[in-house]
Protein backbone atom coordinates (compact mmCIF):
# COMPACT_ATOMS: atom_id res chain seq x y z
CA UNK A 1 -78.45 -34.34 -50.20
CA UNK A 2 -77.62 -37.65 -51.83
CA UNK A 3 -80.07 -39.72 -53.81
CA UNK A 4 -80.00 -42.44 -51.16
CA UNK A 5 -81.01 -40.13 -48.34
CA UNK A 6 -83.85 -38.67 -50.43
CA UNK A 7 -85.10 -42.20 -51.16
CA UNK A 8 -84.99 -43.22 -47.50
CA UNK A 9 -86.76 -40.10 -46.30
CA UNK A 10 -89.63 -40.56 -48.78
CA UNK A 11 -89.15 -37.10 -50.30
CA UNK A 12 -89.52 -38.19 -53.91
CA UNK A 13 -92.65 -36.59 -55.32
CA UNK A 14 -94.51 -38.32 -58.14
CA UNK A 15 -96.20 -36.12 -60.74
CA UNK A 16 -99.97 -36.12 -60.62
CA UNK A 17 -100.86 -36.20 -64.29
CA UNK A 18 -104.02 -37.88 -65.49
CA UNK A 19 -103.06 -41.09 -67.33
CA UNK A 20 -105.06 -39.99 -70.38
CA UNK A 21 -103.72 -36.40 -70.45
CA UNK A 22 -101.41 -37.22 -73.38
CA UNK A 23 -103.72 -39.67 -75.13
CA UNK A 24 -104.31 -39.53 -78.85
CA UNK A 25 -107.58 -40.63 -80.43
CA UNK A 26 -108.45 -42.09 -83.81
CA UNK A 27 -111.88 -42.95 -85.21
CA UNK A 28 -111.87 -46.36 -86.90
CA UNK A 29 -114.63 -47.53 -89.28
CA UNK A 30 -115.72 -51.11 -88.57
CA UNK A 31 -116.86 -53.72 -91.11
CA UNK A 32 -120.46 -53.64 -89.88
CA UNK A 33 -120.79 -49.89 -90.62
CA UNK A 34 -120.31 -48.73 -87.04
CA UNK A 35 -117.27 -46.96 -85.63
CA UNK A 36 -114.75 -47.41 -82.82
CA UNK A 37 -112.25 -45.09 -81.17
CA UNK A 38 -108.65 -46.14 -80.71
CA UNK A 39 -107.13 -44.51 -77.62
CA UNK A 40 -103.33 -44.46 -77.51
CA UNK A 41 -101.44 -43.47 -74.38
CA UNK A 42 -97.65 -42.97 -74.58
CA UNK A 43 -95.69 -46.03 -73.37
CA UNK A 44 -98.84 -48.17 -73.35
CA UNK A 45 -100.72 -50.43 -75.74
CA UNK A 46 -103.65 -48.76 -77.52
CA UNK A 47 -107.17 -49.73 -76.55
CA UNK A 48 -110.36 -49.62 -78.60
CA UNK A 49 -113.68 -48.25 -77.42
CA UNK A 50 -116.65 -49.40 -79.49
CA UNK A 51 -119.31 -49.39 -80.92
CA UNK A 52 -120.61 -46.05 -82.09
CA UNK A 53 -123.42 -45.88 -84.65
CA UNK A 54 -121.93 -42.91 -86.49
CA UNK A 55 -118.59 -41.20 -86.92
CA UNK A 56 -120.14 -38.13 -85.29
CA UNK A 57 -121.03 -40.23 -82.20
CA UNK A 58 -117.42 -41.43 -81.99
CA UNK A 59 -116.09 -37.89 -82.34
CA UNK A 60 -118.55 -36.68 -79.66
CA UNK A 61 -117.27 -39.41 -77.31
CA UNK A 62 -113.69 -38.23 -77.92
CA UNK A 63 -114.61 -34.61 -77.16
CA UNK A 64 -116.44 -35.62 -73.96
CA UNK A 65 -113.60 -37.88 -72.84
CA UNK A 66 -111.07 -35.10 -73.40
CA UNK A 67 -113.31 -32.70 -71.44
CA UNK A 68 -113.54 -35.15 -68.50
CA UNK A 69 -109.78 -35.74 -68.50
CA UNK A 70 -109.14 -31.99 -68.49
CA UNK A 71 -111.67 -31.43 -65.70
CA UNK A 72 -110.30 -34.27 -63.58
CA UNK A 73 -106.71 -33.14 -64.15
CA UNK A 74 -107.51 -29.63 -62.96
CA UNK A 75 -109.40 -30.83 -59.89
CA UNK A 76 -107.07 -33.72 -59.05
CA UNK A 77 -110.12 -36.03 -58.69
CA UNK A 78 -108.62 -38.79 -60.83
CA UNK A 79 -105.80 -39.37 -58.35
CA UNK A 80 -106.58 -41.84 -55.58
CA UNK A 81 -104.19 -43.40 -53.16
CA UNK A 82 -104.33 -47.15 -52.54
CA UNK A 83 -106.01 -46.53 -49.17
CA UNK A 84 -108.94 -44.71 -50.84
CA UNK A 85 -109.81 -47.71 -53.03
CA UNK A 86 -111.48 -49.66 -50.24
CA UNK A 87 -108.46 -51.69 -49.21
């Protein structure tokens, strides 16, 4: 089978990996004494989630986020086609 025929038949399968499955997290102290979490996803710009009163709160958010990502990856719930978004 040539690449062209595979493309035309729609047989190319996209991987269903949660976008945050390979994210890295870093707790950042802020000037006002609170904390933020920098979330970095490969091939994407990092984003910052703030504000957490304590470093422990920020670390708890990271742990919970990682748990949700893992759970959603295993169940496939994170993946939605364009038609399921109310279009």
